[in-house]
Amino acid sequence: MKIVILGAGQVGSSVAENLVRESNDITVVDIDPVKLQNLQDRLDLRTVVGFGSHPSVLKQAGIEDADILLAVTQSDETNLVACKLADMMFNTPTKIARIRCQDYLGQDEMFSRENFAVDFIISPEEVLTDYIRKLIEHPEALQVLDFAEGKVRLAAVRAFHGGPLVGHELQFLRKHMPHIDTRVAAIFRQNQPIIPEGKTVIEAGDEVFFVATAENIRVVMREMRPLDKAAKRIMIAGGGNIGRRLAKSLEQTYQVKMIDHNKRNSERLAAELSKTLILFGDATDPDLLQAENIEDMDVFCALTNDDENNIMSALLAKRMGARKVIALINRSAYVDLVQSGQIDIAISPAQATIGSLLAHVRRGDMAVVHSLRRGAAEALEAIAHGDAKTSRVVGRRIEQIDLPRGATIGAIVRGEQVFIAHHDTVIESEDHVIVFVVNKQMIVKIEKLFQVSIGFFG
């Protein structure tokens, strides 16, 4: 697939890295030659220096025969103009734009074919806000992700000493909870994937990914570890786009405090947020944290634009008594480094949001794609099409499907019904199939499985 990416920032670079690995023909456009050179030194792709909204630059990038334009620059206006030009002048089949401005996001008509011709919109800030909110709602979880419009959830928890399932084989789960249908999709032990089977024993410290219906997710979590009490008090460091959105989405349900170091921005936030207490100051100041009773906070979220500040304020908050700390970290090298220590959850914005892009790039019909474990694994919601003659999955029991080793089908959604997958579950046409993949190299095989082929006859 030939893809032109506009913008070599965090999002553009991460997408390029993911797609190059999957044998796509990638060209990245940016006005910063240093960023492009860094990409070219690491990855097998083409780069073009210039403005993505200029027709000559798009032409130089190969837009004339590109399958997808991915406009993810920092400028909404550049992204919109580029999509319009790609449609009007070059007839590009799929145009995806990153949009940050809230005013634009509410104007659906603006993105229609007659106007800016954007096929799909992604808003990383919106995705991140939702991602962090779910972690606050489920304080025991390392990751909580929705499939099939929220009917199915995939959660990752770290198994603790004292959890009912710890020290037992997985098959014990069904005997122990006969009224709840769930499936363990994968286990990571000391960063290595383990294929879950009936006789697999859960050990303390294991990172366990499981699927269940949204209403059953907390019940299943309780089997892995004692449940934490529900969060009530939240402190947010950083009043930028993400911090502001998060506070707005939480303030009606939780007691929210926000620290921002910019006086003018603090005044704007105080006018915009009705129930959030805005504090002007430095989140790495222990005196401020102590004065604001950091030891009573259930969750501390470090969401500034500065990685080092986020790491330091989260570490300080944890040491001073905050129950759970979350840090937003842009540099991927830092993420693994800090999450293995005192910081409970380190979030890479690029990895958290990349799934919303990959869903539109994957071959086969993918409704949802989620990146897991900082990009090492992936969970897909694939839609099965065709019949037993044209599809490798439709009309077959799960045990008959040629899944690559390490890939697991966790659940199937048929209309409003949710079926947790078992070996004898039969997939029907138009089913939404939730697939967990522990190794990104398997993605191409999964895509092929769900592609309809006229010449396929089993």
Protein backbone atom coordinates (compact mmCIF):
# COMPACT_ATOMS: atom_id res chain seq x y z
CA MET A 1 0.00 0.00 0.00
CA LYS A 2 1.36 3.46 -0.90
CA ILE A 3 0.88 5.99 1.91
CA VAL A 4 1.85 9.67 2.11
CA ILE A 5 2.21 11.00 5.67
CA LEU A 6 2.23 14.74 6.30
CA GLY A 7 4.00 15.61 9.55
CA ALA A 8 7.05 13.98 11.14
CA GLY A 9 6.06 14.71 14.74
CA GLN A 10 5.30 12.09 17.40
CA VAL A 11 2.15 10.80 15.69
CA GLY A 12 3.52 10.85 12.13
CA SER A 13 6.81 9.19 13.13
CA SER A 14 5.08 6.44 15.13
CA VAL A 15 2.66 5.65 12.32
CA ALA A 16 5.49 5.60 9.78
CA GLU A 17 7.49 3.21 11.98
CA ASN A 18 4.53 0.86 12.36
CA LEU A 19 3.60 0.87 8.68
CA VAL A 20 7.14 0.48 7.33
CA ARG A 21 7.47 -2.74 9.36
CA GLU A 22 4.45 -4.07 7.48
CA SER A 23 5.98 -3.62 4.02
CA ASN A 24 4.11 -0.48 2.99
CA ASP A 25 5.58 2.14 0.65
CA ILE A 26 5.83 5.24 2.89
CA THR A 27 6.71 8.86 2.11
CA VAL A 28 6.87 11.42 4.94
CA VAL A 29 6.57 15.17 4.31
CA ASP A 30 7.66 17.83 6.83
CA ILE A 31 9.15 21.32 6.86
CA ASP A 32 11.89 20.22 9.30
CA PRO A 33 14.76 18.49 7.43
CA VAL A 34 16.38 17.33 10.70
CA LYS A 35 13.29 15.35 11.75
CA LEU A 36 13.11 13.79 8.29
CA GLN A 37 16.80 12.87 8.31
CA ASN A 38 16.38 11.16 11.70
CA LEU A 39 13.48 9.14 10.28
CA GLN A 40 15.39 8.21 7.15
CA ASP A 41 18.39 7.08 9.20
CA ARG A 42 16.18 4.63 11.13
CA LEU A 43 13.56 3.52 8.63
CA ASP A 44 13.25 2.40 5.02
CA LEU A 45 11.10 5.25 3.65
CA ARG A 46 11.19 8.33 1.42
CA THR A 47 11.11 11.89 2.76
CA VAL A 48 10.21 15.23 1.19
CA VAL A 49 10.98 18.63 2.72
CA GLY A 50 8.16 21.14 2.23
CA PHE A 51 4.65 22.26 3.14
CA GLY A 52 2.11 19.45 2.92
CA SER A 53 -0.57 21.87 1.74
CA HIS A 54 1.38 22.79 -1.41
CA PRO A 55 0.34 20.84 -4.57
CA SER A 56 3.94 20.68 -5.85
CA VAL A 57 5.13 19.12 -2.57
CA LEU A 58 2.26 16.59 -2.60
CA LYS A 59 3.17 15.70 -6.18
CA GLN A 60 6.83 15.25 -5.24
CA ALA A 61 5.70 12.92 -2.42
CA GLY A 62 3.91 10.71 -4.95
CA ILE A 63 0.29 11.62 -4.11
CA GLU A 64 -0.79 10.90 -7.71
CA ASP A 65 -0.77 7.13 -7.17
CA ALA A 66 -1.03 7.01 -3.35
CA ASP A 67 -3.73 4.89 -1.70
CA ILE A 68 -3.90 6.97 1.48
CA LEU A 69 -3.06 10.52 2.55
CA LEU A 70 -2.45 10.79 6.27
CA ALA A 71 -2.38 14.47 7.26
CA VAL A 72 -1.13 14.63 10.86
CA THR A 73 0.77 17.93 11.03
CA GLN A 74 0.36 20.21 14.07
CA SER A 75 -1.82 22.55 11.96
CA ASP A 76 -5.49 21.63 11.45
CA GLU A 77 -5.67 24.06 8.55
CA THR A 78 -2.72 22.46 6.74
CA ASN A 79 -4.31 19.03 7.22
CA LEU A 80 -7.69 20.18 5.88
CA VAL A 81 -6.26 21.95 2.81
CA ALA A 82 -4.05 18.94 2.00
CA CYS A 83 -7.06 16.59 2.08
CA LYS A 84 -9.05 18.90 -0.19
CA LEU A 85 -6.19 19.17 -2.70
CA ALA A 86 -5.59 15.40 -2.64
CA ASP A 87 -9.24 14.82 -3.46
CA MET A 88 -9.76 17.61 -6.00
CA MET A 89 -6.46 17.44 -7.90
CA PHE A 90 -5.23 13.87 -7.44
CA ASN A 91 -8.35 11.82 -6.64
CA THR A 92 -6.66 10.12 -3.64
CA PRO A 93 -8.95 7.27 -2.45
CA THR A 94 -8.61 7.78 1.35
CA LYS A 95 -7.85 11.01 3.18
CA ILE A 96 -7.33 11.05 6.96
CA ALA A 97 -6.84 14.29 8.91
CA ARG A 98 -5.68 14.99 12.43
CA ILE A 99 -7.95 17.65 13.94
CA ARG A 100 -7.22 19.25 17.32
CA CYS A 101 -9.52 22.29 17.44
CA GLN A 102 -12.77 21.61 19.31
CA ASP A 103 -14.63 24.12 17.11
CA TYR A 104 -13.81 22.07 14.00
CA LEU A 105 -14.66 18.73 15.59
CA GLY A 106 -18.28 19.74 16.05
CA GLN A 107 -18.80 20.59 12.35
CA ASP A 108 -19.49 17.32 10.51
CA GLU A 109 -20.63 19.03 7.30
CA MET A 110 -17.26 20.73 7.04
CA PHE A 111 -15.53 17.40 6.33
CA SER A 112 -17.91 16.25 3.58
CA ARG A 113 -16.76 15.54 0.01
CA GLU A 114 -18.14 18.89 -1.19
CA ASN A 115 -16.13 20.79 1.43
CA PHE A 116 -12.76 19.55 2.77
CA ALA A 117 -13.22 15.95 1.59
CA VAL A 118 -11.89 14.28 4.75
CA ASP A 119 -12.84 10.59 4.91
CA PHE A 120 -11.75 10.00 8.51
CA ILE A 121 -10.90 12.36 11.36
CA ILE A 122 -8.57 11.51 14.22
CA SER A 123 -8.23 13.59 17.38
CA PRO A 124 -5.30 12.31 19.48
CA GLU A 125 -6.29 14.55 22.40
CA GLU A 126 -9.82 13.10 22.42
CA VAL A 127 -8.50 9.51 22.24
CA LEU A 128 -6.04 10.16 25.07
CA THR A 129 -8.68 11.75 27.28
CA ASP A 130 -10.91 8.71 26.88
CA TYR A 131 -7.95 6.39 27.49
CA ILE A 132 -6.96 8.09 30.76
CA ARG A 133 -10.56 8.35 31.94
CA LYS A 134 -10.97 4.57 31.65
CA LEU A 135 -7.83 4.07 33.73
CA ILE A 136 -9.32 6.33 36.42
CA GLU A 137 -12.61 4.40 36.31
CA HIS A 138 -10.66 1.11 36.69
CA PRO A 139 -7.80 1.98 39.07
CA GLU A 140 -6.55 -1.64 39.13
CA ALA A 141 -6.01 -1.81 35.36
CA LEU A 142 -2.89 -1.14 33.29
CA GLN A 143 -5.00 -0.69 30.13
CA VAL A 144 -8.75 -0.73 29.38
CA LEU A 145 -9.97 -0.76 25.77
CA ASP A 146 -13.39 -0.86 24.14
CA PHE A 147 -14.56 -2.92 21.16
CA ALA A 148 -17.90 -3.14 19.34
CA GLU A 149 -18.99 0.32 20.55
CA GLY A 150 -18.36 -0.56 24.20
CA LYS A 151 -20.10 -3.94 24.26
CA VAL A 152 -16.78 -5.75 24.82
CA ARG A 153 -13.82 -4.60 26.90
CA LEU A 154 -10.25 -5.80 26.99
CA ALA A 155 -8.40 -5.11 30.24
CA ALA A 156 -4.84 -5.69 31.37
CA VAL A 157 -4.10 -6.21 35.07
CA ARG A 158 -1.03 -7.24 36.99
CA ALA A 159 -1.77 -10.39 38.99
CA PHE A 160 -1.04 -9.91 42.70
CA HIS A 161 -0.41 -12.28 45.59
CA GLY A 162 -3.80 -12.94 47.14
CA GLY A 163 -5.80 -12.89 43.89
CA PRO A 164 -8.12 -15.97 43.73
CA LEU A 165 -6.71 -17.09 40.36
CA VAL A 166 -3.02 -16.61 41.21
CA GLY A 167 -1.34 -20.01 41.55
CA HIS A 168 -4.17 -21.77 39.71
CA GLU A 169 -4.56 -23.07 36.17
CA LEU A 170 -6.67 -20.97 33.79
CA GLN A 171 -9.30 -23.71 33.53
CA PHE A 172 -10.02 -23.03 37.22
CA LEU A 173 -11.51 -19.66 36.17
CA ARG A 174 -14.55 -21.25 34.52
CA LYS A 175 -15.18 -23.54 37.49
CA HIS A 176 -14.73 -20.67 39.92
CA MET A 177 -16.98 -18.27 37.95
CA PRO A 178 -19.50 -20.44 36.06
CA HIS A 179 -21.92 -17.49 35.72
CA ILE A 180 -19.36 -15.16 34.04
CA ASP A 181 -18.03 -15.82 30.55
CA THR A 182 -14.53 -14.44 30.00
CA ARG A 183 -11.36 -15.36 28.18
CA VAL A 184 -7.70 -14.70 28.93
CA ALA A 185 -6.32 -13.46 25.61
CA ALA A 186 -2.63 -13.27 26.55
CA ILE A 187 -0.21 -13.33 29.43
CA PHE A 188 3.10 -11.48 29.60
CA ARG A 189 5.61 -12.76 32.14
CA GLN A 190 8.80 -10.72 32.56
CA ASN A 191 7.98 -9.03 29.23
CA GLN A 192 7.72 -12.36 27.38
CA PRO A 193 4.37 -13.52 25.91
CA ILE A 194 2.89 -16.81 27.12
CA ILE A 195 0.18 -18.50 25.03
CA PRO A 196 -2.75 -19.02 27.44
CA GLU A 197 -3.98 -22.62 27.64
CA GLY A 198 -6.20 -24.43 30.12
CA LYS A 199 -3.22 -25.70 32.13
CA THR A 200 -1.36 -22.36 32.19
CA VAL A 201 -0.79 -21.25 35.80
CA ILE A 202 -1.13 -17.54 36.63
CA GLU A 203 1.80 -16.25 38.67
CA ALA A 204 2.02 -13.10 40.79
CA GLY A 205 3.48 -10.31 38.66
CA ASP A 206 2.00 -11.63 35.39
CA GLU A 207 0.43 -9.04 33.08
CA VAL A 208 -2.89 -10.66 32.17
CA PHE A 209 -5.05 -9.48 29.23
CA PHE A 210 -8.62 -10.71 29.25
CA VAL A 211 -11.86 -9.96 27.43
CA ALA A 212 -15.35 -9.77 28.91
CA THR A 213 -18.54 -7.80 28.42
CA ALA A 214 -18.31 -4.26 29.78
CA GLU A 215 -20.57 -5.05 32.77
CA ASN A 216 -18.46 -8.08 33.82
CA ILE A 217 -15.00 -6.55 33.55
CA ARG A 218 -14.61 -5.59 37.23
CA VAL A 219 -15.86 -8.99 38.40
CA VAL A 220 -13.12 -10.70 36.38
CA MET A 221 -10.47 -8.23 37.58
CA ARG A 222 -11.25 -9.28 41.15
CA GLU A 223 -9.98 -12.77 40.30
CA MET A 224 -6.52 -11.43 39.46
CA ARG A 225 -6.03 -9.05 42.35
CA PRO A 226 -7.85 -7.33 45.22
CA LEU A 227 -9.91 -4.46 43.78
CA ASP A 228 -8.91 -0.94 44.76
CA LYS A 229 -11.57 1.35 46.16
CA ALA A 230 -13.16 3.58 43.53
CA ALA A 231 -11.28 6.81 42.83
CA LYS A 232 -12.86 10.06 44.05
CA ARG A 233 -10.08 12.66 44.24
CA ILE A 234 -8.03 13.43 41.13
CA MET A 235 -5.12 15.83 40.68
CA ILE A 236 -4.01 16.85 37.19
CA ALA A 237 -0.65 18.49 36.48
CA GLY A 238 -0.81 20.50 33.25
CA GLY A 239 -3.67 22.53 31.82
CA GLY A 240 -2.93 22.00 28.14
CA ASN A 241 -5.29 20.39 25.62
CA ILE A 242 -5.30 16.97 27.26
CA GLY A 243 -5.38 18.16 30.89
CA ARG A 244 -8.23 20.58 30.16
CA ARG A 245 -10.28 17.97 28.28
CA LEU A 246 -9.74 15.41 31.03
CA ALA A 247 -10.76 17.83 33.79
CA LYS A 248 -13.88 18.77 31.83
CA SER A 249 -14.88 15.11 31.41
CA LEU A 250 -14.24 14.29 35.10
CA GLU A 251 -15.36 17.32 37.08
CA GLN A 252 -19.06 16.38 37.32
CA THR A 253 -18.24 12.96 38.82
CA TYR A 254 -14.94 13.42 40.70
CA GLN A 255 -13.28 16.03 42.92
CA VAL A 256 -10.69 17.49 40.56
CA LYS A 257 -7.71 19.77 41.22
CA MET A 258 -5.48 21.06 38.43
CA ILE A 259 -2.00 22.61 38.66
CA ASP A 260 -0.76 24.84 35.83
CA HIS A 261 2.43 26.90 35.75
CA ASN A 262 1.10 29.58 33.37
CA LYS A 263 -0.83 32.37 35.09
CA ARG A 264 -2.82 33.47 32.05
CA ASN A 265 -3.72 29.89 31.15
CA SER A 266 -4.75 29.26 34.78
CA GLU A 267 -7.18 32.18 34.58
CA ARG A 268 -8.64 30.85 31.31
CA LEU A 269 -9.05 27.38 32.85
CA ALA A 270 -10.75 28.83 35.94
CA ALA A 271 -13.29 30.58 33.69
CA GLU A 272 -13.92 27.49 31.55
CA LEU A 273 -14.05 24.72 34.19
CA SER A 274 -16.95 25.10 36.59
CA LYS A 275 -16.09 22.59 39.32
CA THR A 276 -12.33 22.02 38.95
CA LEU A 277 -10.09 23.82 41.46
CA ILE A 278 -7.33 25.56 39.46
CA LEU A 279 -3.97 26.03 41.19
CA PHE A 280 -1.28 28.29 39.76
CA GLY A 281 2.13 26.77 40.49
CA ASP A 282 4.73 24.10 39.75
CA ALA A 283 3.67 20.43 40.02
CA THR A 284 7.24 19.48 41.01
CA ASP A 285 7.04 21.74 44.10
CA PRO A 286 6.69 19.46 47.16
CA ASP A 287 5.39 22.34 49.31
CA LEU A 288 2.50 22.94 46.88
CA LEU A 289 1.67 19.23 46.69
CA GLN A 290 1.73 18.94 50.48
CA ALA A 291 -0.45 22.05 50.91
CA GLU A 292 -2.99 20.53 48.50
CA ASN A 293 -3.07 17.18 50.40
CA ILE A 294 -1.42 15.02 47.77
CA GLU A 295 -1.56 12.08 50.21
CA ASP A 296 -5.38 12.08 49.88
CA MET A 297 -5.34 11.87 46.07
CA ASP A 298 -6.58 8.63 44.51
CA VAL A 299 -5.03 9.41 41.11
CA PHE A 300 -2.34 11.93 40.12
CA CYS A 301 -2.08 12.56 36.34
CA ALA A 302 1.06 14.29 35.03
CA LEU A 303 -0.02 15.63 31.63
CA THR A 304 2.28 18.58 30.83
CA ASN A 305 4.22 18.86 27.55
CA ASP A 306 7.51 18.18 29.35
CA ASP A 307 8.51 14.51 29.83
CA GLU A 308 11.01 15.24 32.60
CA ASN A 309 8.49 17.34 34.54
CA ASN A 310 5.87 14.59 34.19
CA ILE A 311 8.29 11.94 35.45
CA MET A 312 9.51 14.06 38.39
CA SER A 313 6.07 15.24 39.50
CA ALA A 314 4.63 11.69 39.26
CA LEU A 315 7.53 10.25 41.28
CA LEU A 316 7.17 13.01 43.86
CA ALA A 317 3.39 12.56 44.10
CA LYS A 318 3.84 8.80 44.59
CA ARG A 319 6.47 9.27 47.27
CA MET A 320 4.25 11.77 49.09
CA GLY A 321 1.31 9.37 49.24
CA ALA A 322 -0.80 9.56 46.04
CA ARG A 323 -2.42 6.13 45.56
CA LYS A 324 -1.91 5.83 41.78
CA VAL A 325 0.19 7.98 39.45
CA ILE A 326 -0.08 8.26 35.66
CA ALA A 327 2.55 10.06 33.54
CA LEU A 328 2.29 11.12 29.91
CA ILE A 329 5.67 10.51 28.24
CA ASN A 330 6.43 11.31 24.60
CA ARG A 331 9.87 9.73 24.34
CA SER A 332 9.33 6.01 23.82
CA ALA A 333 12.71 5.17 25.38
CA TYR A 334 11.52 6.67 28.67
CA VAL A 335 8.20 4.81 28.81
CA ASP A 336 9.52 1.31 29.51
CA LEU A 337 12.18 2.76 31.77
CA VAL A 338 9.79 4.47 34.19
CA GLN A 339 6.85 2.05 34.20
CA SER A 340 9.00 -0.68 35.70
CA GLY A 341 9.63 1.60 38.71
CA GLN A 342 7.39 3.66 41.00
CA ILE A 343 5.21 5.19 38.29
CA ASP A 344 2.09 3.02 37.99
CA ILE A 345 1.27 3.79 34.36
CA ALA A 346 3.41 5.57 31.76
CA ILE A 347 1.44 6.49 28.63
CA SER A 348 3.00 7.12 25.24
CA PRO A 349 0.57 9.51 23.46
CA ALA A 350 1.63 8.24 20.04
CA GLN A 351 1.09 4.56 20.96
CA ALA A 352 -2.23 5.29 22.69
CA THR A 353 -3.62 7.07 19.62
CA ILE A 354 -2.03 5.11 16.79
CA GLY A 355 -4.81 2.50 16.75
CA SER A 356 -7.34 5.05 15.49
CA LEU A 357 -5.11 5.50 12.44
CA LEU A 358 -4.19 1.86 11.89
CA ALA A 359 -7.86 0.82 11.69
CA HIS A 360 -8.11 2.76 8.39
CA VAL A 361 -4.83 1.44 6.99
CA ARG A 362 -5.18 -2.28 7.69
CA ARG A 363 -6.11 -4.58 4.81
CA GLY A 364 -9.37 -6.41 5.39
CA ASP A 365 -12.27 -4.70 7.17
CA MET A 366 -11.02 -3.50 10.57
CA ALA A 367 -13.49 -1.59 12.75
CA VAL A 368 -11.08 -0.95 15.62
CA VAL A 369 -7.34 -1.37 16.19
CA HIS A 370 -5.68 -0.91 19.59
CA SER A 371 -1.95 -0.81 20.19
CA LEU A 372 -0.94 -2.74 23.32
CA ARG A 373 2.13 -2.82 25.55
CA ARG A 374 3.63 0.31 23.97
CA GLY A 375 3.26 -1.08 20.44
CA ALA A 376 4.61 -4.61 21.00
CA ALA A 377 1.17 -6.24 20.64
CA GLU A 378 -2.13 -5.35 19.00
CA ALA A 379 -5.83 -6.05 19.40
CA LEU A 380 -8.09 -5.88 16.34
CA GLU A 381 -11.81 -5.85 15.75
CA ALA A 382 -12.09 -7.49 12.34
CA ILE A 383 -15.37 -7.85 10.46
CA ALA A 384 -15.90 -11.22 8.78
CA HIS A 385 -17.37 -11.04 5.25
CA GLY A 386 -18.30 -13.59 2.59
CA ASP A 387 -19.25 -17.23 3.07
CA ALA A 388 -17.53 -20.59 3.53
CA LYS A 389 -16.34 -20.51 -0.12
CA THR A 390 -14.89 -17.00 -0.17
CA SER A 391 -13.69 -16.59 3.43
CA ARG A 392 -11.09 -18.38 5.52
CA VAL A 393 -13.07 -17.74 8.73
CA VAL A 394 -16.82 -17.66 7.95
CA GLY A 395 -18.67 -20.93 8.65
CA ARG A 396 -15.72 -22.35 10.58
CA ARG A 397 -15.27 -23.25 14.21
CA ILE A 398 -12.44 -21.33 15.86
CA GLU A 399 -10.41 -24.54 16.22
CA GLN A 400 -10.55 -24.94 12.40
CA ILE A 401 -9.16 -21.46 11.65
CA ASP A 402 -5.50 -21.28 10.68
CA LEU A 403 -4.50 -18.64 13.25
CA PRO A 404 -0.78 -17.92 13.53
CA ARG A 405 0.70 -19.08 16.84
CA GLY A 406 0.34 -16.34 19.41
CA ALA A 407 -2.89 -14.94 17.94
CA THR A 408 -6.07 -15.48 19.97
CA ILE A 409 -9.73 -14.85 19.13
CA GLY A 410 -11.19 -13.46 22.35
CA ALA A 411 -14.81 -12.59 21.53
CA ILE A 412 -17.36 -12.37 18.73
CA VAL A 413 -20.07 -9.71 18.49
CA ARG A 414 -23.14 -10.55 16.40
CA GLY A 415 -25.55 -7.63 16.31
CA GLU A 416 -26.30 -6.93 19.98
CA GLN A 417 -25.08 -10.36 21.15
CA VAL A 418 -21.63 -10.94 22.61
CA PHE A 419 -20.06 -14.43 22.55
CA ILE A 420 -16.83 -15.05 24.43
CA ALA A 421 -14.87 -17.25 22.03
CA HIS A 422 -14.42 -20.99 22.68
CA HIS A 423 -12.86 -23.67 20.45
CA ASP A 424 -16.26 -24.73 19.01
CA THR A 425 -17.67 -21.22 18.39
CA VAL A 426 -18.63 -20.80 14.72
CA ILE A 427 -18.02 -17.46 12.99
CA GLU A 428 -20.80 -16.10 10.78
CA SER A 429 -20.71 -13.48 8.04
CA GLU A 430 -20.72 -9.88 9.39
CA ASP A 431 -19.55 -10.99 12.86
CA HIS A 432 -17.16 -8.58 14.59
CA VAL A 433 -14.23 -10.74 15.72
CA ILE A 434 -11.91 -9.51 18.48
CA VAL A 435 -8.38 -10.83 17.81
CA PHE A 436 -5.40 -10.43 20.15
CA VAL A 437 -1.95 -10.55 18.54
CA VAL A 438 1.16 -10.75 20.76
CA ASN A 439 3.61 -10.15 17.90
CA LYS A 440 3.14 -7.40 15.32
CA GLN A 441 4.79 -9.60 12.63
CA MET A 442 1.60 -11.71 12.59
CA ILE A 443 -0.60 -8.80 11.52
CA VAL A 444 -0.26 -9.48 7.78
CA LYS A 445 -1.44 -13.10 8.28
CA ILE A 446 -4.45 -11.90 10.31
CA GLU A 447 -5.33 -9.36 7.62
CA LYS A 448 -5.22 -12.07 4.94
CA LEU A 449 -7.46 -14.34 7.03
CA PHE A 450 -10.21 -11.71 7.00
CA GLN A 451 -9.90 -10.71 3.35
CA VAL A 452 -12.57 -12.10 1.05
CA SER A 453 -11.09 -14.01 -1.88
CA ILE A 454 -13.14 -15.04 -4.93
CA GLY A 455 -10.71 -17.87 -5.62
CA PHE A 456 -10.67 -19.31 -2.10
CA PHE A 457 -12.41 -22.67 -1.79
CA GLY A 458 -11.00 -23.93 1.55
